[in-house]
Amino acid sequence: MKKNILVVDDSTLMRRVICDIINSDSTFQATDVCRDGLEAYEKLKTTAYDAVILDVNMPRMDGLELLEKLQQDRIKATIIMVSTLTTRDADVTIRAMELGAIDFITKPTNIIEAKSDQFKGRILQMLKAVIKTDVIRTSRGAVIKATDQRENSSVKVPKVLERTGTNGKNKLVALACSTGGPKALQSVIPYLPADMNAPMVLVQHMPKGFTKSMAERLDEISKIHVREAQEGDILRKGCVYIAPGGKHMELQKKPDGNHVVRLNEAPAIGGLRPCANITYKSLASSGFDEIVCVVLTGMGADGTEGILALNTKKKIHVISQDAKSCVVYGMPKAIADAGVVDEVVPLTEVAHTIIKNVGVQ
């Protein structure tokens, strides 16, 4: 049976293009279309869809207003945003993912881009990844939808943070995520203490500009300091450094023992820049005694190759998000299948598990 998709966009042309893309794959069908959020709201009140492709900017009720309304009325939907690459839309998109959107697709700027294989591939790839993860969850008896996680669970942080395994060692946390990551990170980063006894480097697959908005928002709601990494940043304990969209991030050990951020615009790896494999591999020559590798929700297998390479050079401890709490069980599955995962935990336990392994100052 084909999966039913709702397309919401005020542009007649974009609706037609997106519907044609969806209908080109035998797995899906564009069941309904709406011109704005108000029409979509009326549809979603009475009809369940396997996924919704939602534009950000629309008249009467825009994408953000629709998400707020759905959350207010507790209407469940698996929503993928379509957003332009502007600073304002980056902020709006980050907010949309706070409200339940699982991820976003970059909106084409012209008809040539709209009909490109790249745009088509991105839509179908994301839809297939989300549907596949739903099947995995259901087959394991985990029928909770990704958009239900915030309401059905609370992040469990111990009153007394454990210092297990620290032993005065110099540690680093290196986290990688992709599809569903921005939402997942809001269940992790705000629950890390300001005095975490390690710095964290973080690779989230996002375009330029969006990582800055994400970093600023996470910093605003977190005790720990969060920033988009800049060339030459010196890693400090209790700080999170997010790889900028459009650049690879490596870490370099300096003669004085400090570690600094090195950014480059080398070609994308498998279409990814930043690429987590590059970051992990750069840590092989670092001065850290142990590296806690964390892999959260995301399509593909980025991070696995880098962690496997790092494992031959350094002591590592690998934490993987479980299938039930993933929006897309791709990256965590890849590292689990590689056989190097030490702990598989639900999203709500990730922050606690990190602190259990690195301690506080």
Protein backbone atom coordinates (compact mmCIF):
# COMPACT_ATOMS: atom_id res chain seq x y z
CA MET A 1 0.00 0.00 0.00
CA LYS A 2 1.31 3.43 -0.95
CA LYS A 3 2.13 5.95 1.77
CA ASN A 4 -0.09 9.02 1.81
CA ILE A 5 1.63 12.42 1.68
CA LEU A 6 0.12 15.88 2.16
CA VAL A 7 1.76 18.78 0.28
CA VAL A 8 1.31 22.31 1.67
CA ASP A 9 2.62 25.26 -0.37
CA ASP A 10 1.12 28.52 -1.59
CA SER A 11 2.85 28.21 -4.98
CA THR A 12 0.84 26.29 -7.59
CA LEU A 13 4.07 25.47 -9.42
CA MET A 14 5.83 24.13 -6.31
CA ARG A 15 2.82 22.04 -5.36
CA ARG A 16 2.79 20.49 -8.83
CA VAL A 17 6.56 19.85 -8.83
CA ILE A 18 6.57 18.29 -5.36
CA CYS A 19 3.51 16.15 -6.16
CA ASP A 20 5.15 14.93 -9.37
CA ILE A 21 8.26 13.97 -7.39
CA ILE A 22 6.24 12.09 -4.78
CA ASN A 23 4.11 10.30 -7.36
CA SER A 24 7.17 9.28 -9.37
CA ASP A 25 8.03 6.74 -6.68
CA SER A 26 5.81 3.67 -6.30
CA THR A 27 6.13 3.89 -2.51
CA PHE A 28 4.25 7.18 -2.18
CA GLN A 29 1.30 9.15 -3.41
CA ALA A 30 0.52 12.85 -3.00
CA THR A 31 -2.94 12.30 -1.58
CA ASP A 32 -3.89 15.93 -0.91
CA VAL A 33 -2.59 19.46 -1.47
CA CYS A 34 -3.21 22.69 0.45
CA ARG A 35 -2.45 26.32 -0.38
CA ASP A 36 -1.73 27.45 3.17
CA GLY A 37 -1.54 26.37 6.77
CA LEU A 38 -5.21 27.04 7.42
CA GLU A 39 -6.32 24.56 4.76
CA ALA A 40 -3.75 22.07 6.05
CA TYR A 41 -4.99 22.46 9.61
CA GLU A 42 -8.53 21.54 8.54
CA LYS A 43 -7.20 18.48 6.69
CA LEU A 44 -5.00 17.34 9.58
CA LYS A 45 -7.86 17.58 12.07
CA THR A 46 -9.67 14.75 10.28
CA THR A 47 -7.10 12.92 8.16
CA ALA A 48 -3.91 11.04 9.09
CA TYR A 49 -1.01 11.20 6.64
CA ASP A 50 2.24 9.26 6.63
CA ALA A 51 4.12 12.54 6.12
CA VAL A 52 3.53 16.23 5.37
CA ILE A 53 5.72 18.41 3.14
CA LEU A 54 5.22 21.91 4.55
CA ASP A 55 6.33 25.30 3.19
CA VAL A 56 7.48 27.94 5.67
CA ASN A 57 6.19 31.18 4.11
CA MET A 58 2.47 31.17 3.23
CA PRO A 59 -0.48 33.57 3.54
CA ARG A 60 -3.25 33.33 6.17
CA MET A 61 -1.37 30.73 8.27
CA ASP A 62 2.32 30.05 7.68
CA GLY A 63 4.21 26.86 8.45
CA LEU A 64 5.29 27.96 11.91
CA GLU A 65 1.78 29.00 12.90
CA LEU A 66 0.45 25.65 11.70
CA LEU A 67 2.98 23.76 13.82
CA GLU A 68 2.05 25.84 16.85
CA LYS A 69 -1.63 25.12 16.24
CA LEU A 70 -1.02 21.40 15.82
CA GLN A 71 0.99 21.28 19.03
CA GLN A 72 -1.66 23.26 20.89
CA ASP A 73 -4.40 20.89 19.74
CA ARG A 74 -2.22 17.76 20.16
CA ILE A 75 -2.61 16.77 16.51
CA LYS A 76 0.16 14.39 15.49
CA ALA A 77 1.91 14.65 12.13
CA THR A 78 5.29 13.75 10.65
CA ILE A 79 6.31 17.06 9.09
CA ILE A 80 9.19 17.92 6.77
CA MET A 81 9.70 21.65 6.23
CA VAL A 82 10.71 23.32 2.96
CA SER A 83 12.82 26.37 3.70
CA THR A 84 14.82 28.97 1.75
CA LEU A 85 18.44 29.72 2.64
CA THR A 86 17.93 33.06 4.36
CA THR A 87 18.95 34.14 7.85
CA ARG A 88 15.33 34.75 8.83
CA ASP A 89 14.18 31.41 7.49
CA ALA A 90 17.06 29.69 9.30
CA ASP A 91 15.74 31.03 12.61
CA VAL A 92 12.17 30.07 11.69
CA THR A 93 13.24 26.58 10.62
CA ILE A 94 15.06 25.94 13.90
CA ARG A 95 11.93 27.06 15.72
CA ALA A 96 9.83 24.77 13.50
CA MET A 97 11.89 21.77 14.56
CA GLU A 98 11.39 22.73 18.21
CA LEU A 99 7.66 22.55 17.50
CA GLY A 100 7.83 19.07 16.03
CA ALA A 101 9.04 19.23 12.40
CA ILE A 102 11.51 16.39 11.93
CA ASP A 103 13.81 18.14 9.44
CA PHE A 104 13.85 20.45 6.44
CA ILE A 105 14.63 20.49 2.74
CA THR A 106 16.20 23.48 1.05
CA LYS A 107 13.66 25.17 -1.20
CA PRO A 108 14.70 25.68 -4.84
CA THR A 109 15.20 29.28 -5.98
CA ASN A 110 14.01 28.64 -9.56
CA ILE A 111 12.20 26.11 -11.74
CA ILE A 112 15.46 24.54 -12.96
CA GLU A 113 16.49 23.72 -9.39
CA ALA A 114 12.96 22.59 -8.56
CA LYS A 115 13.07 20.01 -11.36
CA SER A 116 16.63 18.91 -10.60
CA ASP A 117 17.57 15.38 -9.59
CA GLN A 118 19.10 16.82 -6.42
CA PHE A 119 15.81 18.26 -5.13
CA LYS A 120 13.90 15.15 -6.17
CA GLY A 121 16.44 12.87 -4.50
CA ARG A 122 16.39 14.84 -1.26
CA ILE A 123 12.61 14.62 -0.90
CA LEU A 124 12.38 10.91 -1.72
CA GLN A 125 15.42 10.03 0.38
CA MET A 126 14.00 11.74 3.45
CA LEU A 127 10.52 10.25 3.01
CA LYS A 128 11.94 6.74 2.60
CA ALA A 129 14.23 7.12 5.62
CA VAL A 130 11.37 8.26 7.85
CA ILE A 131 9.03 5.50 6.66
CA LYS A 132 11.75 2.85 7.08
CA THR A 133 12.38 3.93 10.67
CA ASP A 134 8.65 3.80 11.41
CA VAL A 135 8.65 0.20 10.16
CA ILE A 136 11.65 -0.67 12.36
CA ARG A 137 9.98 0.86 15.41
CA THR A 138 6.72 -0.96 14.75
CA SER A 139 8.44 -4.29 14.17
CA ARG A 140 10.13 -3.93 17.56
CA GLY A 141 6.90 -3.02 19.29
CA ALA A 142 7.92 0.62 19.49
CA VAL A 143 4.98 2.41 17.98
CA ILE A 144 5.60 5.86 19.44
CA LYS A 145 5.91 8.44 16.68
CA ALA A 146 8.95 10.72 16.64
CA THR A 147 6.72 13.76 17.09
CA ASP A 148 5.35 12.25 20.34
CA GLN A 149 8.72 12.04 22.08
CA ARG A 150 8.67 15.42 23.75
CA GLU A 151 5.22 14.87 25.26
CA ASN A 152 5.62 11.20 26.17
CA SER A 153 9.00 11.43 27.84
CA SER A 154 11.07 13.73 29.95
CA VAL A 155 14.82 13.91 29.98
CA LYS A 156 16.06 12.14 33.05
CA VAL A 157 18.98 13.93 34.67
CA PRO A 158 20.27 12.63 37.99
CA LYS A 159 20.27 14.97 40.97
CA VAL A 160 23.87 14.02 41.68
CA LEU A 161 25.94 13.75 38.53
CA GLU A 162 28.10 10.67 38.44
CA ARG A 163 31.84 10.89 37.91
CA THR A 164 32.24 7.29 36.83
CA GLY A 165 35.25 6.62 34.66
CA THR A 166 36.81 10.10 34.83
CA ASN A 167 39.88 9.26 36.92
CA GLY A 168 41.37 12.65 36.17
CA LYS A 169 41.68 11.80 32.49
CA ASN A 170 41.51 14.37 29.71
CA LYS A 171 38.36 13.56 27.73
CA LEU A 172 36.43 14.87 24.75
CA VAL A 173 32.84 14.33 23.63
CA ALA A 174 32.37 14.07 19.85
CA LEU A 175 28.75 13.94 18.70
CA ALA A 176 27.32 13.35 15.21
CA CYS A 177 23.73 13.57 13.97
CA SER A 178 21.71 14.35 10.87
CA THR A 179 17.98 14.00 10.06
CA GLY A 180 16.02 14.73 13.21
CA GLY A 181 19.17 15.99 14.89
CA PRO A 182 18.21 19.60 15.63
CA LYS A 183 15.13 18.43 17.50
CA ALA A 184 17.01 15.60 19.23
CA LEU A 185 19.76 17.95 20.38
CA GLN A 186 17.20 19.93 22.36
CA SER A 187 16.73 16.83 24.49
CA VAL A 188 20.48 16.55 25.07
CA ILE A 189 22.43 19.82 25.10
CA PRO A 190 20.19 21.79 27.54
CA TYR A 191 20.61 18.96 30.05
CA LEU A 192 24.40 19.10 30.13
CA PRO A 193 25.84 21.07 33.08
CA ALA A 194 27.96 24.19 32.63
CA ASP A 195 30.79 22.46 34.48
CA MET A 196 30.94 19.36 32.27
CA ASN A 197 34.47 18.02 32.60
CA ALA A 198 35.11 17.92 28.85
CA PRO A 199 34.62 20.00 25.72
CA MET A 200 32.21 18.76 23.05
CA VAL A 201 32.52 18.96 19.27
CA LEU A 202 29.33 18.43 17.31
CA VAL A 203 28.65 17.69 13.64
CA GLN A 204 25.08 18.21 12.44
CA HIS A 205 24.40 18.04 8.71
CA MET A 206 22.98 21.48 7.88
CA PRO A 207 23.60 24.23 5.32
CA LYS A 208 25.53 27.41 6.02
CA GLY A 209 23.65 29.80 8.28
CA PHE A 210 21.40 27.18 9.84
CA THR A 211 24.11 25.90 12.18
CA LYS A 212 24.61 29.42 13.51
CA SER A 213 20.90 29.78 14.27
CA MET A 214 20.88 26.35 15.90
CA ALA A 215 23.92 27.15 18.03
CA GLU A 216 22.44 30.45 19.19
CA ARG A 217 19.15 28.82 20.12
CA LEU A 218 20.82 25.96 22.00
CA ASP A 219 23.06 28.42 23.83
CA GLU A 220 20.00 30.42 24.84
CA ILE A 221 18.26 27.44 26.48
CA SER A 222 21.31 25.63 27.90
CA LYS A 223 23.55 25.96 30.95
CA ILE A 224 26.53 24.79 28.94
CA HIS A 225 27.96 27.30 26.44
CA VAL A 226 27.17 26.52 22.77
CA ARG A 227 28.67 28.24 19.75
CA GLU A 228 29.21 27.73 16.05
CA ALA A 229 32.88 26.82 15.80
CA GLN A 230 35.30 29.33 14.30
CA GLU A 231 38.77 28.84 12.89
CA GLY A 232 41.31 28.79 15.70
CA ASP A 233 38.85 28.27 18.56
CA ILE A 234 40.62 26.73 21.56
CA LEU A 235 38.58 23.90 23.03
CA ARG A 236 37.43 24.60 26.59
CA LYS A 237 35.68 22.29 29.03
CA GLY A 238 32.00 23.06 29.41
CA CYS A 239 31.67 24.32 25.83
CA VAL A 240 30.03 22.84 22.72
CA TYR A 241 31.53 23.66 19.31
CA ILE A 242 29.21 23.06 16.34
CA ALA A 243 30.77 22.53 12.90
CA PRO A 244 29.61 25.35 10.59
CA GLY A 245 27.39 24.38 7.68
CA GLY A 246 29.43 24.23 4.47
CA LYS A 247 32.76 23.51 6.22
CA HIS A 248 34.55 20.45 7.50
CA MET A 249 35.82 20.63 11.08
CA GLU A 250 39.05 19.05 12.30
CA LEU A 251 40.82 19.28 15.65
CA GLN A 252 44.55 19.97 15.94
CA LYS A 253 46.78 19.57 18.99
CA LYS A 254 49.10 22.52 19.63
CA PRO A 255 52.58 22.34 21.24
CA ASP A 256 51.17 23.88 24.43
CA GLY A 257 48.75 20.97 24.78
CA ASN A 258 45.64 22.91 23.75
CA HIS A 259 43.42 21.72 20.92
CA VAL A 260 42.16 24.14 18.29
CA VAL A 261 39.47 24.05 15.61
CA ARG A 262 40.58 23.89 11.99
CA LEU A 263 37.95 24.53 9.31
CA ASN A 264 38.22 23.88 5.60
CA GLU A 265 36.11 23.86 2.46
CA ALA A 266 37.47 20.66 0.95
CA PRO A 267 35.00 18.83 -1.30
CA ALA A 268 31.91 17.33 0.32
CA ILE A 269 32.20 13.66 1.29
CA GLY A 270 29.18 11.73 0.06
CA GLY A 271 27.39 15.04 -0.37
CA LEU A 272 28.19 16.05 3.22
CA ARG A 273 30.04 19.15 4.40
CA PRO A 274 30.51 19.07 7.35
CA CYS A 275 31.26 15.38 7.46
CA ALA A 276 31.54 13.63 10.84
CA ASN A 277 34.03 11.06 9.50
CA ILE A 278 36.55 13.85 8.90
CA THR A 279 36.13 15.19 12.43
CA TYR A 280 36.48 11.77 14.03
CA LYS A 281 39.55 10.86 11.98
CA SER A 282 41.28 14.11 12.95
CA LEU A 283 41.03 13.08 16.61
CA ALA A 284 43.43 10.16 16.08
CA SER A 285 46.38 12.51 16.60
CA SER A 286 44.79 14.43 19.47
CA GLY A 287 46.06 14.48 23.05
CA PHE A 288 42.84 13.29 24.65
CA ASP A 289 43.07 10.20 26.86
CA GLU A 290 39.60 9.06 25.88
CA ILE A 291 36.99 10.21 23.38
CA VAL A 292 33.29 9.66 24.07
CA CYS A 293 31.67 9.27 20.64
CA VAL A 294 27.91 9.92 20.48
CA VAL A 295 25.81 9.04 17.43
CA LEU A 296 22.23 10.29 17.23
CA THR A 297 19.40 10.10 14.68
CA GLY A 298 20.27 10.58 11.02
CA MET A 299 20.25 9.16 7.51
CA GLY A 300 23.18 7.21 6.15
CA ALA A 301 26.29 6.06 7.98
CA ASP A 302 28.39 9.20 8.49
CA GLY A 303 30.55 8.81 11.57
CA THR A 304 30.98 5.05 11.46
CA GLU A 305 34.10 5.01 9.28
CA GLY A 306 35.68 7.78 11.33
CA ILE A 307 34.93 6.11 14.66
CA LEU A 308 36.32 2.79 13.43
CA ALA A 309 39.52 4.54 12.33
CA LEU A 310 39.71 6.41 15.64
CA ASN A 311 39.27 3.14 17.56
CA THR A 312 42.61 1.87 16.21
CA LYS A 313 44.45 4.89 17.64
CA LYS A 314 42.58 6.00 20.76
CA LYS A 315 40.55 4.72 23.66
CA ILE A 316 36.93 5.45 22.82
CA HIS A 317 33.54 4.94 24.41
CA VAL A 318 30.63 4.87 21.94
CA ILE A 319 27.07 5.89 22.86
CA SER A 320 24.33 5.26 20.28
CA GLN A 321 20.70 6.42 20.29
CA ASP A 322 18.21 3.58 20.21
CA ALA A 323 15.87 2.87 17.28
CA LYS A 324 12.71 3.66 19.21
CA SER A 325 13.62 7.29 19.86
CA CYS A 326 15.25 8.01 16.47
CA VAL A 327 13.48 10.00 13.78
CA VAL A 328 15.70 8.13 11.30
CA TYR A 329 17.53 5.02 12.49
CA GLY A 330 20.40 5.23 10.01
CA MET A 331 23.62 6.56 11.56
CA PRO A 332 23.01 4.85 14.93
CA LYS A 333 22.21 1.56 13.17
CA ALA A 334 25.40 1.77 11.10
CA ILE A 335 27.64 2.20 14.13
CA ALA A 336 25.74 -0.49 16.06
CA ASP A 337 26.14 -2.90 13.14
CA ALA A 338 29.88 -2.14 13.15
CA GLY A 339 30.09 -3.71 16.61
CA VAL A 340 31.84 -0.91 18.51
CA VAL A 341 28.92 0.53 20.49
CA ASP A 342 29.34 0.41 24.28
CA GLU A 343 25.91 1.76 25.24
CA VAL A 344 22.61 2.00 23.35
CA VAL A 345 20.27 4.42 25.11
CA PRO A 346 17.01 6.28 24.40
CA LEU A 347 17.28 9.96 23.58
CA THR A 348 16.11 10.88 27.07
CA GLU A 349 19.14 9.12 28.58
CA VAL A 350 21.87 10.53 26.31
CA ALA A 351 22.76 13.57 28.44
CA HIS A 352 22.99 11.48 31.60
CA THR A 353 25.09 8.85 29.83
CA ILE A 354 27.52 11.48 28.58
CA ILE A 355 27.99 12.94 32.06
CA LYS A 356 28.32 9.47 33.56
CA ASN A 357 31.35 9.00 31.29
CA VAL A 358 33.06 12.40 31.53
CA GLY A 359 31.93 13.74 34.91
CA VAL A 360 31.83 17.35 36.10
CA GLN A 361 34.62 19.69 37.17
